[in-house]
Protein backbone atom coordinates (compact mmCIF):
# COMPACT_ATOMS: atom_id res chain seq x y z
CA ARG A 1 121.55 61.93 92.39
CA GLY A 2 124.13 63.88 93.23
CA SER A 3 124.76 67.40 94.26
CA ILE A 4 126.75 69.95 92.39
CA ARG A 5 128.13 73.88 93.65
CA PHE A 6 128.82 76.40 90.92
CA ASN A 7 131.47 78.31 91.54
CA SER A 8 130.82 82.31 91.67
CA ALA A 9 132.30 82.43 87.94
CA ALA A 10 129.42 79.85 86.52
CA ILE A 11 126.93 81.47 88.69
CA MET A 12 127.18 84.90 86.94
CA SER A 13 127.53 83.51 84.11
CA LEU A 14 123.94 81.30 84.53
CA CYS A 15 122.64 84.84 85.56
CA GLN A 16 123.37 86.42 82.66
CA HIS A 17 121.52 83.51 80.83
CA ASN A 18 118.17 84.69 79.24
CA TRP A 19 115.98 82.03 81.04
CA ALA A 20 112.84 83.25 79.68
CA GLY A 21 110.81 82.49 82.71
CA ASN A 22 111.05 78.79 81.89
CA VAL A 23 112.64 77.92 85.57
CA ARG A 24 112.32 73.96 84.16
CA GLU A 25 115.27 75.11 81.59
CA LEU A 26 117.28 75.38 85.12
CA ALA A 27 116.09 72.85 86.70
CA ASN A 28 116.87 70.33 84.10
CA LEU A 29 120.42 71.74 83.50
CA VAL A 30 120.89 71.48 87.14
CA GLU A 31 120.00 67.80 87.01
CA ARG A 32 122.00 67.41 83.64
CA MET A 33 125.05 68.88 85.67
CA ALA A 34 124.44 66.94 89.10
CA ILE A 35 124.53 63.73 87.56
CA MET A 36 127.89 64.89 85.11
CA TYR A 37 129.61 66.19 88.47
CA PRO A 38 128.51 64.65 91.12
CA TYR A 39 129.33 66.32 94.98
CA GLY A 40 131.86 68.26 92.39
CA VAL A 41 132.40 72.09 91.63
CA ALA A 42 131.12 73.45 88.47
CA GLY A 43 132.50 76.19 86.51
CA VAL A 44 132.57 78.16 83.39
CA LYS A 45 134.16 75.56 81.45
CA ASP A 46 132.00 73.14 82.85
CA LEU A 47 128.92 74.79 81.80
CA PRO A 48 127.37 73.79 77.83
CA ALA A 49 128.43 76.33 75.73
CA LYS A 50 124.85 78.44 75.29
CA PHE A 51 125.43 79.27 79.23
CA ARG A 52 129.09 80.35 78.80
CA TYR A 53 129.01 83.98 79.10
CA VAL A 54 131.81 85.10 81.35
CA GLU A 55 135.62 84.85 79.95
CA GLU A 56 137.59 81.61 81.44
CA ALA A 57 140.08 83.97 82.45
CA ASN A 58 138.03 85.43 85.02
CA GLU A 59 137.84 81.85 86.94
CA VAL A 60 140.43 82.01 89.51
CA GLU A 61 142.07 78.64 90.30
CA GLY A 62 141.30 76.87 93.63
CA GLU A 63 138.31 79.14 94.27
CA GLU A 64 136.02 78.03 97.02
CA ALA A 65 132.84 76.85 95.74
CA SER A 66 129.86 79.61 95.94
CA SER A 67 127.49 78.84 98.99
CA GLN A 68 125.09 77.62 96.53
CA HIS A 69 124.65 74.70 96.72
CA LEU A 70 122.18 72.70 94.69
CA ALA A 71 121.13 69.60 94.78
CA ALA A 72 118.80 67.79 91.67
């Protein structure tokens, strides 16, 4: 398994999702993203559609990855 970073726009989008207290849904998403983008930085456009709450225009090109480094 790899590890993945989410940029700040992706993190903002994930924070707006109603997780309904289900941490397994979040864990599954992180694991899937780590497989799809090993050692990469994921933005809003990389998230599955149901997790995209932030407009693409809010993402800054070349934005530094958030300090939130997640390993699957």
